[in-house]
PDB file of N, CA and C in Angstrom:
ATOM      1  N   MET A   1     114.793  35.335  55.907  1.00  0.00           N
ATOM      2  CA  MET A   1     114.760  35.455  54.455  1.00  0.00           C
ATOM      3  C   MET A   1     115.944  36.327  54.019  1.00  0.00           C
ATOM      4  N   THR A   2     116.685  35.884  53.064  1.00  0.00           N
ATOM      5  CA  THR A   2     117.823  36.667  52.595  1.00  0.00           C
ATOM      6  C   THR A   2     117.347  37.803  51.705  1.00  0.00           C
ATOM      7  N   VAL A   3     118.183  38.796  51.531  1.00  0.00           N
ATOM      8  CA  VAL A   3     117.792  39.926  50.699  1.00  0.00           C
ATOM      9  C   VAL A   3     117.751  39.551  49.226  1.00  0.00           C
ATOM     10  N   LYS A   4     118.295  38.400  48.861  1.00  0.00           N
ATOM     11  CA  LYS A   4     118.209  37.949  47.474  1.00  0.00           C
ATOM     12  C   LYS A   4     116.782  37.550  47.116  1.00  0.00           C
ATOM     13  N   HIS A   5     115.936  37.339  48.113  1.00  0.00           N
ATOM     14  CA  HIS A   5     114.576  36.866  47.883  1.00  0.00           C
ATOM     15  C   HIS A   5     113.540  37.872  48.364  1.00  0.00           C
ATOM     16  N   ILE A   6     113.654  39.096  47.934  1.00  0.00           N
ATOM     17  CA  ILE A   6     112.653  40.098  48.281  1.00  0.00           C
ATOM     18  C   ILE A   6     111.415  39.818  47.435  1.00  0.00           C
ATOM     19  N   PRO A   7     110.265  39.614  48.066  1.00  0.00           N
ATOM     20  CA  PRO A   7     109.064  39.281  47.306  1.00  0.00           C
ATOM     21  C   PRO A   7     108.536  40.466  46.499  1.00  0.00           C
ATOM     22  N   GLU A   8     107.838  40.132  45.435  1.00  0.00           N
ATOM     23  CA  GLU A   8     107.148  41.152  44.659  1.00  0.00           C
ATOM     24  C   GLU A   8     105.868  41.538  45.382  1.00  0.00           C
ATOM     25  N   PRO A   9     105.392  42.757  45.246  1.00  0.00           N
ATOM     26  CA  PRO A   9     105.904  43.826  44.396  1.00  0.00           C
ATOM     27  C   PRO A   9     106.986  44.683  45.049  1.00  0.00           C
ATOM     28  N   VAL A  10     107.441  44.263  46.231  1.00  0.00           N
ATOM     29  CA  VAL A  10     108.423  45.063  46.969  1.00  0.00           C
ATOM     30  C   VAL A  10     109.758  45.140  46.228  1.00  0.00           C
ATOM     31  N   ALA A  11     110.201  44.040  45.651  1.00  0.00           N
ATOM     32  CA  ALA A  11     111.485  44.039  44.937  1.00  0.00           C
ATOM     33  C   ALA A  11     111.476  45.049  43.791  1.00  0.00           C
ATOM     34  N   SER A  12     110.402  45.066  43.021  1.00  0.00           N
ATOM     35  CA  SER A  12     110.300  46.025  41.903  1.00  0.00           C
ATOM     36  C   SER A  12     110.220  47.454  42.412  1.00  0.00           C
ATOM     37  N   PHE A  13     109.526  47.640  43.541  1.00  0.00           N
ATOM     38  CA  PHE A  13     109.415  48.969  44.141  1.00  0.00           C
ATOM     39  C   PHE A  13     110.794  49.493  44.548  1.00  0.00           C
ATOM     40  N   ILE A  14     111.577  48.667  45.232  1.00  0.00           N
ATOM     41  CA  ILE A  14     112.913  49.093  45.662  1.00  0.00           C
ATOM     42  C   ILE A  14     113.786  49.399  44.451  1.00  0.00           C
ATOM     43  N   ALA A  15     113.694  48.589  43.413  1.00  0.00           N
ATOM     44  CA  ALA A  15     114.463  48.845  42.189  1.00  0.00           C
ATOM     45  C   ALA A  15     114.074  50.189  41.581  1.00  0.00           C
ATOM     46  N   ALA A  16     112.777  50.500  41.569  1.00  0.00           N
ATOM     47  CA  ALA A  16     112.303  51.780  41.028  1.00  0.00           C
ATOM     48  C   ALA A  16     112.835  52.949  41.852  1.00  0.00           C
ATOM     49  N   VAL A  17     112.795  52.804  43.172  1.00  0.00           N
ATOM     50  CA  VAL A  17     113.315  53.853  44.057  1.00  0.00           C
ATOM     51  C   VAL A  17     114.798  54.079  43.787  1.00  0.00           C
ATOM     52  N   ASN A  18     115.553  53.004  43.737  1.00  0.00           N
ATOM     53  CA  ASN A  18     117.005  53.118  43.599  1.00  0.00           C
ATOM     54  C   ASN A  18     117.446  53.667  42.245  1.00  0.00           C
ATOM     55  N   ARG A  19     116.585  53.552  41.229  1.00  0.00           N
ATOM     56  CA  ARG A  19     116.918  54.171  39.936  1.00  0.00           C
ATOM     57  C   ARG A  19     116.209  55.524  39.773  1.00  0.00           C
ATOM     58  N   HIS A  20     115.551  55.963  40.853  1.00  0.00           N
ATOM     59  CA  HIS A  20     114.878  57.273  40.907  1.00  0.00           C
ATOM     60  C   HIS A  20     113.799  57.394  39.835  1.00  0.00           C
ATOM     61  N   ASP A  21     113.055  56.321  39.636  1.00  0.00           N
ATOM     62  CA  ASP A  21     111.991  56.245  38.634  1.00  0.00           C
ATOM     63  C   ASP A  21     110.672  56.634  39.304  1.00  0.00           C
ATOM     64  N   GLU A  22     110.354  57.916  39.231  1.00  0.00           N
ATOM     65  CA  GLU A  22     109.173  58.428  39.926  1.00  0.00           C
ATOM     66  C   GLU A  22     107.888  57.768  39.456  1.00  0.00           C
ATOM     67  N   ALA A  23     107.728  57.567  38.156  1.00  0.00           N
ATOM     68  CA  ALA A  23     106.498  56.975  37.633  1.00  0.00           C
ATOM     69  C   ALA A  23     106.302  55.562  38.181  1.00  0.00           C
ATOM     70  N   ALA A  24     107.340  54.737  38.138  1.00  0.00           N
ATOM     71  CA  ALA A  24     107.235  53.368  38.653  1.00  0.00           C
ATOM     72  C   ALA A  24     107.019  53.373  40.163  1.00  0.00           C
ATOM     73  N   PHE A  25     107.660  54.293  40.870  1.00  0.00           N
ATOM     74  CA  PHE A  25     107.466  54.446  42.315  1.00  0.00           C
ATOM     75  C   PHE A  25     105.996  54.712  42.621  1.00  0.00           C
ATOM     76  N   LEU A  26     105.407  55.689  41.952  1.00  0.00           N
ATOM     77  CA  LEU A  26     104.011  56.044  42.203  1.00  0.00           C
ATOM     78  C   LEU A  26     103.058  54.941  41.754  1.00  0.00           C
ATOM     79  N   ASP A  27     103.370  54.310  40.624  1.00  0.00           N
ATOM     80  CA  ASP A  27     102.505  53.243  40.107  1.00  0.00           C
ATOM     81  C   ASP A  27     102.518  52.000  40.985  1.00  0.00           C
ATOM     82  N   ALA A  28     103.476  51.881  41.880  1.00  0.00           N
ATOM     83  CA  ALA A  28     103.547  50.717  42.769  1.00  0.00           C
ATOM     84  C   ALA A  28     102.419  50.718  43.800  1.00  0.00           C
ATOM     85  N   PHE A  29     101.851  51.894  44.068  1.00  0.00           N
ATOM     86  CA  PHE A  29     100.796  52.019  45.078  1.00  0.00           C
ATOM     87  C   PHE A  29      99.403  51.873  44.468  1.00  0.00           C
ATOM     88  N   THR A  30      98.470  51.378  45.269  1.00  0.00           N
ATOM     89  CA  THR A  30      97.065  51.409  44.875  1.00  0.00           C
ATOM     90  C   THR A  30      96.620  52.874  44.817  1.00  0.00           C
ATOM     91  N   THR A  31      95.469  53.132  44.220  1.00  0.00           N
ATOM     92  CA  THR A  31      94.991  54.519  44.108  1.00  0.00           C
ATOM     93  C   THR A  31      94.755  55.156  45.463  1.00  0.00           C
ATOM     94  N   THR A  32      94.478  54.350  46.476  1.00  0.00           N
ATOM     95  CA  THR A  32      94.271  54.872  47.832  1.00  0.00           C
ATOM     96  C   THR A  32      95.465  54.556  48.726  1.00  0.00           C
ATOM     97  N   GLY A  33      96.597  54.246  48.105  1.00  0.00           N
ATOM     98  CA  GLY A  33      97.795  53.907  48.855  1.00  0.00           C
ATOM     99  C   GLY A  33      98.256  55.032  49.753  1.00  0.00           C
ATOM    100  N   ALA A  34      99.082  54.667  50.735  1.00  0.00           N
ATOM    101  CA  ALA A  34      99.539  55.661  51.705  1.00  0.00           C
ATOM    102  C   ALA A  34     100.989  55.397  52.107  1.00  0.00           C
ATOM    103  N   VAL A  35     101.639  56.466  52.525  1.00  0.00           N
ATOM    104  CA  VAL A  35     102.969  56.408  53.115  1.00  0.00           C
ATOM    105  C   VAL A  35     102.858  56.975  54.520  1.00  0.00           C
ATOM    106  N   ASP A  36     103.353  56.223  55.496  1.00  0.00           N
ATOM    107  CA  ASP A  36     103.427  56.679  56.881  1.00  0.00           C
ATOM    108  C   ASP A  36     104.915  56.844  57.188  1.00  0.00           C
ATOM    109  N   ASP A  37     105.365  58.081  57.162  1.00  0.00           N
ATOM    110  CA  ASP A  37     106.775  58.399  57.384  1.00  0.00           C
ATOM    111  C   ASP A  37     106.927  58.948  58.797  1.00  0.00           C
ATOM    112  N   TRP A  38     107.262  58.056  59.713  1.00  0.00           N
ATOM    113  CA  TRP A  38     107.458  58.425  61.123  1.00  0.00           C
ATOM    114  C   TRP A  38     106.233  59.145  61.695  1.00  0.00           C
ATOM    115  N   GLY A  39     105.025  58.640  61.347  1.00  0.00           N
ATOM    116  CA  GLY A  39     103.799  59.192  61.895  1.00  0.00           C
ATOM    117  C   GLY A  39     103.125  60.248  61.039  1.00  0.00           C
ATOM    118  N   ARG A  40     103.814  60.725  60.026  1.00  0.00           N
ATOM    119  CA  ARG A  40     103.180  61.647  59.077  1.00  0.00           C
ATOM    120  C   ARG A  40     102.640  60.800  57.933  1.00  0.00           C
ATOM    121  N   THR A  41     101.326  60.869  57.696  1.00  0.00           N
ATOM    122  CA  THR A  41     100.705  60.019  56.693  1.00  0.00           C
ATOM    123  C   THR A  41     100.315  60.824  55.457  1.00  0.00           C
ATOM    124  N   PHE A  42     100.659  60.256  54.302  1.00  0.00           N
ATOM    125  CA  PHE A  42     100.379  60.862  52.995  1.00  0.00           C
ATOM    126  C   PHE A  42      99.578  59.837  52.206  1.00  0.00           C
ATOM    127  N   THR A  43      98.333  60.171  51.880  1.00  0.00           N
ATOM    128  CA  THR A  43      97.422  59.230  51.228  1.00  0.00           C
ATOM    129  C   THR A  43      97.074  59.704  49.827  1.00  0.00           C
ATOM    130  N   GLY A  44      97.148  58.783  48.881  1.00  0.00           N
ATOM    131  CA  GLY A  44      96.824  59.076  47.483  1.00  0.00           C
ATOM    132  C   GLY A  44      98.045  59.537  46.711  1.00  0.00           C
ATOM    133  N   ARG A  45      97.965  59.392  45.402  1.00  0.00           N
ATOM    134  CA  ARG A  45      99.102  59.659  44.515  1.00  0.00           C
ATOM    135  C   ARG A  45      99.652  61.078  44.657  1.00  0.00           C
ATOM    136  N   ASP A  46      98.793  62.088  44.691  1.00  0.00           N
ATOM    137  CA  ASP A  46      99.265  63.480  44.771  1.00  0.00           C
ATOM    138  C   ASP A  46     100.017  63.748  46.068  1.00  0.00           C
ATOM    139  N   ALA A  47      99.483  63.261  47.183  1.00  0.00           N
ATOM    140  CA  ALA A  47     100.141  63.479  48.480  1.00  0.00           C
ATOM    141  C   ALA A  47     101.458  62.712  48.556  1.00  0.00           C
ATOM    142  N   ILE A  48     101.463  61.480  48.052  1.00  0.00           N
ATOM    143  CA  ILE A  48     102.702  60.686  48.060  1.00  0.00           C
ATOM    144  C   ILE A  48     103.749  61.359  47.178  1.00  0.00           C
ATOM    145  N   LYS A  49     103.341  61.850  46.010  1.00  0.00           N
ATOM    146  CA  LYS A  49     104.284  62.516  45.106  1.00  0.00           C
ATOM    147  C   LYS A  49     104.874  63.762  45.760  1.00  0.00           C
ATOM    148  N   ALA A  50     104.034  64.572  46.394  1.00  0.00           N
ATOM    149  CA  ALA A  50     104.513  65.801  47.042  1.00  0.00           C
ATOM    150  C   ALA A  50     105.530  65.472  48.135  1.00  0.00           C
ATOM    151  N   TRP A  51     105.241  64.448  48.929  1.00  0.00           N
ATOM    152  CA  TRP A  51     106.187  64.018  49.962  1.00  0.00           C
ATOM    153  C   TRP A  51     107.480  63.518  49.319  1.00  0.00           C
ATOM    154  N   SER A  52     107.346  62.657  48.315  1.00  0.00           N
ATOM    155  CA  SER A  52     108.508  62.050  47.662  1.00  0.00           C
ATOM    156  C   SER A  52     109.386  63.073  46.963  1.00  0.00           C
ATOM    157  N   ASP A  53     108.777  64.106  46.387  1.00  0.00           N
ATOM    158  CA  ASP A  53     109.553  65.135  45.686  1.00  0.00           C
ATOM    159  C   ASP A  53     110.605  65.758  46.597  1.00  0.00           C
ATOM    160  N   ASN A  54     110.294  65.858  47.885  1.00  0.00           N
ATOM    161  CA  ASN A  54     111.215  66.473  48.839  1.00  0.00           C
ATOM    162  C   ASN A  54     112.047  65.472  49.639  1.00  0.00           C
ATOM    163  N   GLU A  55     111.474  64.287  49.909  1.00  0.00           N
ATOM    164  CA  GLU A  55     112.095  63.410  50.895  1.00  0.00           C
ATOM    165  C   GLU A  55     112.464  62.014  50.405  1.00  0.00           C
ATOM    166  N   PHE A  56     112.081  61.649  49.177  1.00  0.00           N
ATOM    167  CA  PHE A  56     112.324  60.265  48.758  1.00  0.00           C
ATOM    168  C   PHE A  56     112.969  60.241  47.372  1.00  0.00           C
ATOM    169  N   ILE A  57     112.193  60.175  46.320  1.00  0.00           N
ATOM    170  CA  ILE A  57     112.764  60.166  44.965  1.00  0.00           C
ATOM    171  C   ILE A  57     113.492  61.479  44.693  1.00  0.00           C
ATOM    172  N   GLY A  58     112.875  62.590  45.049  1.00  0.00           N
ATOM    173  CA  GLY A  58     113.482  63.910  44.828  1.00  0.00           C
ATOM    174  C   GLY A  58     114.745  64.135  45.640  1.00  0.00           C
ATOM    175  N   ALA A  59     114.936  63.347  46.681  1.00  0.00           N
ATOM    176  CA  ALA A  59     116.136  63.454  47.517  1.00  0.00           C
ATOM    177  C   ALA A  59     117.193  62.429  47.084  1.00  0.00           C
ATOM    178  N   ASN A  60     117.010  61.860  45.894  1.00  0.00           N
ATOM    179  CA  ASN A  60     117.959  60.877  45.351  1.00  0.00           C
ATOM    180  C   ASN A  60     118.200  59.714  46.305  1.00  0.00           C
ATOM    181  N   GLY A  61     117.132  59.260  46.931  1.00  0.00           N
ATOM    182  CA  GLY A  61     117.247  58.186  47.909  1.00  0.00           C
ATOM    183  C   GLY A  61     117.622  56.848  47.312  1.00  0.00           C
ATOM    184  N   VAL A  62     118.401  56.100  48.077  1.00  0.00           N
ATOM    185  CA  VAL A  62     118.793  54.738  47.710  1.00  0.00           C
ATOM    186  C   VAL A  62     118.640  53.861  48.953  1.00  0.00           C
ATOM    187  N   LEU A  63     117.940  52.741  48.768  1.00  0.00           N
ATOM    188  CA  LEU A  63     117.752  51.784  49.863  1.00  0.00           C
ATOM    189  C   LEU A  63     118.583  50.540  49.577  1.00  0.00           C
ATOM    190  N   THR A  64     119.439  50.183  50.533  1.00  0.00           N
ATOM    191  CA  THR A  64     120.237  48.970  50.436  1.00  0.00           C
ATOM    192  C   THR A  64     119.739  48.003  51.507  1.00  0.00           C
ATOM    193  N   PRO A  65     118.882  47.050  51.115  1.00  0.00           N
ATOM    194  CA  PRO A  65     118.309  46.124  52.097  1.00  0.00           C
ATOM    195  C   PRO A  65     119.363  45.242  52.755  1.00  0.00           C
ATOM    196  N   THR A  66     119.181  45.008  54.060  1.00  0.00           N
ATOM    197  CA  THR A  66     120.058  44.102  54.795  1.00  0.00           C
ATOM    198  C   THR A  66     119.289  42.924  55.386  1.00  0.00           C
ATOM    199  N   GLU A  67     117.988  43.106  55.632  1.00  0.00           N
ATOM    200  CA  GLU A  67     117.131  42.041  56.165  1.00  0.00           C
ATOM    201  C   GLU A  67     115.755  42.153  55.534  1.00  0.00           C
ATOM    202  N   VAL A  68     115.141  41.008  55.276  1.00  0.00           N
ATOM    203  CA  VAL A  68     113.789  40.979  54.728  1.00  0.00           C
ATOM    204  C   VAL A  68     113.009  39.875  55.431  1.00  0.00           C
ATOM    205  N   SER A  69     111.762  40.179  55.791  1.00  0.00           N
ATOM    206  CA  SER A  69     110.889  39.144  56.344  1.00  0.00           C
ATOM    207  C   SER A  69     109.486  39.361  55.797  1.00  0.00           C
ATOM    208  N   GLN A  70     108.699  38.299  55.799  1.00  0.00           N
ATOM    209  CA  GLN A  70     107.333  38.390  55.301  1.00  0.00           C
ATOM    210  C   GLN A  70     106.405  37.629  56.216  1.00  0.00           C
ATOM    211  N   GLN A  71     105.278  38.256  56.532  1.00  0.00           N
ATOM    212  CA  GLN A  71     104.202  37.603  57.270  1.00  0.00           C
ATOM    213  C   GLN A  71     102.919  37.906  56.513  1.00  0.00           C
ATOM    214  N   GLY A  72     102.383  36.921  55.826  1.00  0.00           N
ATOM    215  CA  GLY A  72     101.175  37.118  55.045  1.00  0.00           C
ATOM    216  C   GLY A  72     101.385  38.169  53.973  1.00  0.00           C
ATOM    217  N   GLU A  73     100.536  39.170  53.975  1.00  0.00           N
ATOM    218  CA  GLU A  73     100.583  40.228  52.975  1.00  0.00           C
ATOM    219  C   GLU A  73     101.406  41.432  53.437  1.00  0.00           C
ATOM    220  N   GLN A  74     102.308  41.214  54.374  1.00  0.00           N
ATOM    221  CA  GLN A  74     103.158  42.291  54.868  1.00  0.00           C
ATOM    222  C   GLN A  74     104.627  41.885  54.757  1.00  0.00           C
ATOM    223  N   VAL A  75     105.401  42.760  54.125  1.00  0.00           N
ATOM    224  CA  VAL A  75     106.829  42.531  53.945  1.00  0.00           C
ATOM    225  C   VAL A  75     107.578  43.621  54.694  1.00  0.00           C
ATOM    226  N   THR A  76     108.559  43.237  55.499  1.00  0.00           N
ATOM    227  CA  THR A  76     109.388  44.192  56.223  1.00  0.00           C
ATOM    228  C   THR A  76     110.802  44.133  55.665  1.00  0.00           C
ATOM    229  N   VAL A  77     111.307  45.312  55.307  1.00  0.00           N
ATOM    230  CA  VAL A  77     112.667  45.442  54.801  1.00  0.00           C
ATOM    231  C   VAL A  77     113.421  46.378  55.728  1.00  0.00           C
ATOM    232  N   ILE A  78     114.524  45.904  56.253  1.00  0.00           N
ATOM    233  CA  ILE A  78     115.420  46.753  57.037  1.00  0.00           C
ATOM    234  C   ILE A  78     116.630  47.000  56.154  1.00  0.00           C
ATOM    235  N   GLY A  79     117.020  48.266  56.074  1.00  0.00           N
ATOM    236  CA  GLY A  79     118.162  48.559  55.227  1.00  0.00           C
ATOM    237  C   GLY A  79     118.717  49.941  55.469  1.00  0.00           C
ATOM    238  N   ASP A  80     119.827  50.186  54.802  1.00  0.00           N
ATOM    239  CA  ASP A  80     120.481  51.485  54.889  1.00  0.00           C
ATOM    240  C   ASP A  80     119.829  52.432  53.891  1.00  0.00           C
ATOM    241  N   TRP A  81     119.302  53.532  54.378  1.00  0.00           N
ATOM    242  CA  TRP A  81     118.690  54.561  53.541  1.00  0.00           C
ATOM    243  C   TRP A  81     119.675  55.715  53.428  1.00  0.00           C
ATOM    244  N   ALA A  82     119.980  56.103  52.205  1.00  0.00           N
ATOM    245  CA  ALA A  82     120.890  57.225  51.966  1.00  0.00           C
ATOM    246  C   ALA A  82     120.232  58.179  50.987  1.00  0.00           C
ATOM    247  N   SER A  83     120.133  59.457  51.375  1.00  0.00           N
ATOM    248  CA  SER A  83     119.541  60.477  50.505  1.00  0.00           C
ATOM    249  C   SER A  83     120.064  61.846  50.911  1.00  0.00           C
ATOM    250  N   THR A  84     119.676  62.846  50.158  1.00  0.00           N
ATOM    251  CA  THR A  84     120.052  64.212  50.510  1.00  0.00           C
ATOM    252  C   THR A  84     119.152  64.765  51.612  1.00  0.00           C
ATOM    253  N   HIS A  85     118.098  64.011  51.987  1.00  0.00           N
ATOM    254  CA  HIS A  85     117.174  64.466  53.032  1.00  0.00           C
ATOM    255  C   HIS A  85     117.456  63.805  54.384  1.00  0.00           C
ATOM    256  N   ALA A  86     117.639  62.485  54.369  1.00  0.00           N
ATOM    257  CA  ALA A  86     117.864  61.735  55.612  1.00  0.00           C
ATOM    258  C   ALA A  86     118.698  60.504  55.303  1.00  0.00           C
ATOM    259  N   ASN A  87     119.390  60.010  56.317  1.00  0.00           N
ATOM    260  CA  ASN A  87     120.252  58.844  56.150  1.00  0.00           C
ATOM    261  C   ASN A  87     120.166  57.970  57.381  1.00  0.00           C
ATOM    262  N   GLY A  88     120.407  56.680  57.179  1.00  0.00           N
ATOM    263  CA  GLY A  88     120.513  55.789  58.325  1.00  0.00           C
ATOM    264  C   GLY A  88     119.739  54.507  58.155  1.00  0.00           C
ATOM    265  N   LEU A  89     119.904  53.626  59.138  1.00  0.00           N
ATOM    266  CA  LEU A  89     119.219  52.350  59.140  1.00  0.00           C
ATOM    267  C   LEU A  89     117.727  52.593  59.343  1.00  0.00           C
ATOM    268  N   SER A  90     116.921  52.041  58.450  1.00  0.00           N
ATOM    269  CA  SER A  90     115.475  52.260  58.496  1.00  0.00           C
ATOM    270  C   SER A  90     114.729  50.955  58.313  1.00  0.00           C
ATOM    271  N   ARG A  91     113.516  50.933  58.851  1.00  0.00           N
ATOM    272  CA  ARG A  91     112.603  49.787  58.705  1.00  0.00           C
ATOM    273  C   ARG A  91     111.452  50.240  57.814  1.00  0.00           C
ATOM    274  N   PHE A  92     111.269  49.527  56.714  1.00  0.00           N
ATOM    275  CA  PHE A  92     110.174  49.793  55.784  1.00  0.00           C
ATOM    276  C   PHE A  92     109.207  48.624  55.860  1.00  0.00           C
ATOM    277  N   ILE A  93     107.965  48.910  56.224  1.00  0.00           N
ATOM    278  CA  ILE A  93     106.936  47.883  56.312  1.00  0.00           C
ATOM    279  C   ILE A  93     105.957  48.125  55.162  1.00  0.00           C
ATOM    280  N   PHE A  94     105.821  47.119  54.297  1.00  0.00           N
ATOM    281  CA  PHE A  94     104.970  47.232  53.122  1.00  0.00           C
ATOM    282  C   PHE A  94     103.742  46.355  53.295  1.00  0.00           C
ATOM    283  N   ASP A  95     102.556  46.955  53.178  1.00  0.00           N
ATOM    284  CA  ASP A  95     101.306  46.203  53.141  1.00  0.00           C
ATOM    285  C   ASP A  95     100.962  46.031  51.668  1.00  0.00           C
ATOM    286  N   ILE A  96     100.666  44.792  51.268  1.00  0.00           N
ATOM    287  CA  ILE A  96     100.495  44.452  49.866  1.00  0.00           C
ATOM    288  C   ILE A  96      99.069  43.978  49.599  1.00  0.00           C
ATOM    289  N   SER A  97      98.555  44.366  48.434  1.00  0.00           N
ATOM    290  CA  SER A  97      97.288  43.841  47.936  1.00  0.00           C
ATOM    291  C   SER A  97      97.506  43.471  46.478  1.00  0.00           C
ATOM    292  N   GLY A  98      97.552  42.189  46.194  1.00  0.00           N
ATOM    293  CA  GLY A  98      97.829  41.733  44.833  1.00  0.00           C
ATOM    294  C   GLY A  98      99.227  42.143  44.412  1.00  0.00           C
ATOM    295  N   ASP A  99      99.313  42.924  43.327  1.00  0.00           N
ATOM    296  CA  ASP A  99     100.628  43.365  42.836  1.00  0.00           C
ATOM    297  C   ASP A  99     100.900  44.830  43.145  1.00  0.00           C
ATOM    298  N   LYS A 100     100.184  45.377  44.140  1.00  0.00           N
ATOM    299  CA  LYS A 100     100.345  46.786  44.512  1.00  0.00           C
ATOM    300  C   LYS A 100     100.605  46.924  46.007  1.00  0.00           C
ATOM    301  N   LEU A 101     101.154  48.069  46.369  1.00  0.00           N
ATOM    302  CA  LEU A 101     101.353  48.409  47.775  1.00  0.00           C
ATOM    303  C   LEU A 101     100.164  49.221  48.254  1.00  0.00           C
ATOM    304  N   THR A 102      99.611  48.878  49.398  1.00  0.00           N
ATOM    305  CA  THR A 102      98.545  49.686  49.969  1.00  0.00           C
ATOM    306  C   THR A 102      99.107  50.685  50.971  1.00  0.00           C
ATOM    307  N   LYS A 103     100.251  50.323  51.564  1.00  0.00           N
ATOM    308  CA  LYS A 103     100.854  51.232  52.537  1.00  0.00           C
ATOM    309  C   LYS A 103     102.331  50.910  52.710  1.00  0.00           C
ATOM    310  N   MET A 104     103.118  51.959  52.856  1.00  0.00           N
ATOM    311  CA  MET A 104     104.532  51.829  53.222  1.00  0.00           C
ATOM    312  C   MET A 104     104.712  52.622  54.505  1.00  0.00           C
ATOM    313  N   THR A 105     105.194  51.947  55.543  1.00  0.00           N
ATOM    314  CA  THR A 105     105.440  52.580  56.834  1.00  0.00           C
ATOM    315  C   THR A 105     106.946  52.626  57.046  1.00  0.00           C
ATOM    316  N   ILE A 106     107.466  53.802  57.402  1.00  0.00           N
ATOM    317  CA  ILE A 106     108.895  53.983  57.604  1.00  0.00           C
ATOM    318  C   ILE A 106     109.148  54.309  59.077  1.00  0.00           C
ATOM    319  N   ARG A 107     110.051  53.550  59.671  1.00  0.00           N
ATOM    320  CA  ARG A 107     110.437  53.759  61.062  1.00  0.00           C
ATOM    321  C   ARG A 107     111.940  53.539  61.193  1.00  0.00           C
ATOM    322  N   GLU A 108     112.460  53.786  62.384  1.00  0.00           N
ATOM    323  CA  GLU A 108     113.870  53.533  62.670  1.00  0.00           C
ATOM    324  C   GLU A 108     114.153  52.044  62.529  1.00  0.00           C
ATOM    325  N   GLY A 109     115.308  51.735  61.923  1.00  0.00           N
ATOM    326  CA  GLY A 109     115.682  50.334  61.692  1.00  0.00           C
ATOM    327  C   GLY A 109     116.167  49.677  62.935  1.00  0.00           C
TER     328      GLY A 109
END
């Protein structure tokens, strides 16, 4: 799948991240959504926001996708992550329920 065809809601999520739109970033997750950042798990809006304030939106992160694949309700995006906290090729695995993300898992690309 080319990066021109990133499925929703992942495409909107990446756009929100890249414009540093914290509200849209947080609203992309279900109320019980979670982020698994290299084995550290943050569940719920408050925990995700606290993590993001330091390591994601708050670190002015930008994701430039290079590969996208989808299997059922799971979308994997590999791309270049650049921020004031961390940089490099990363793999983002998104679990989707309807128009929301239930989980985002971040690993080495």
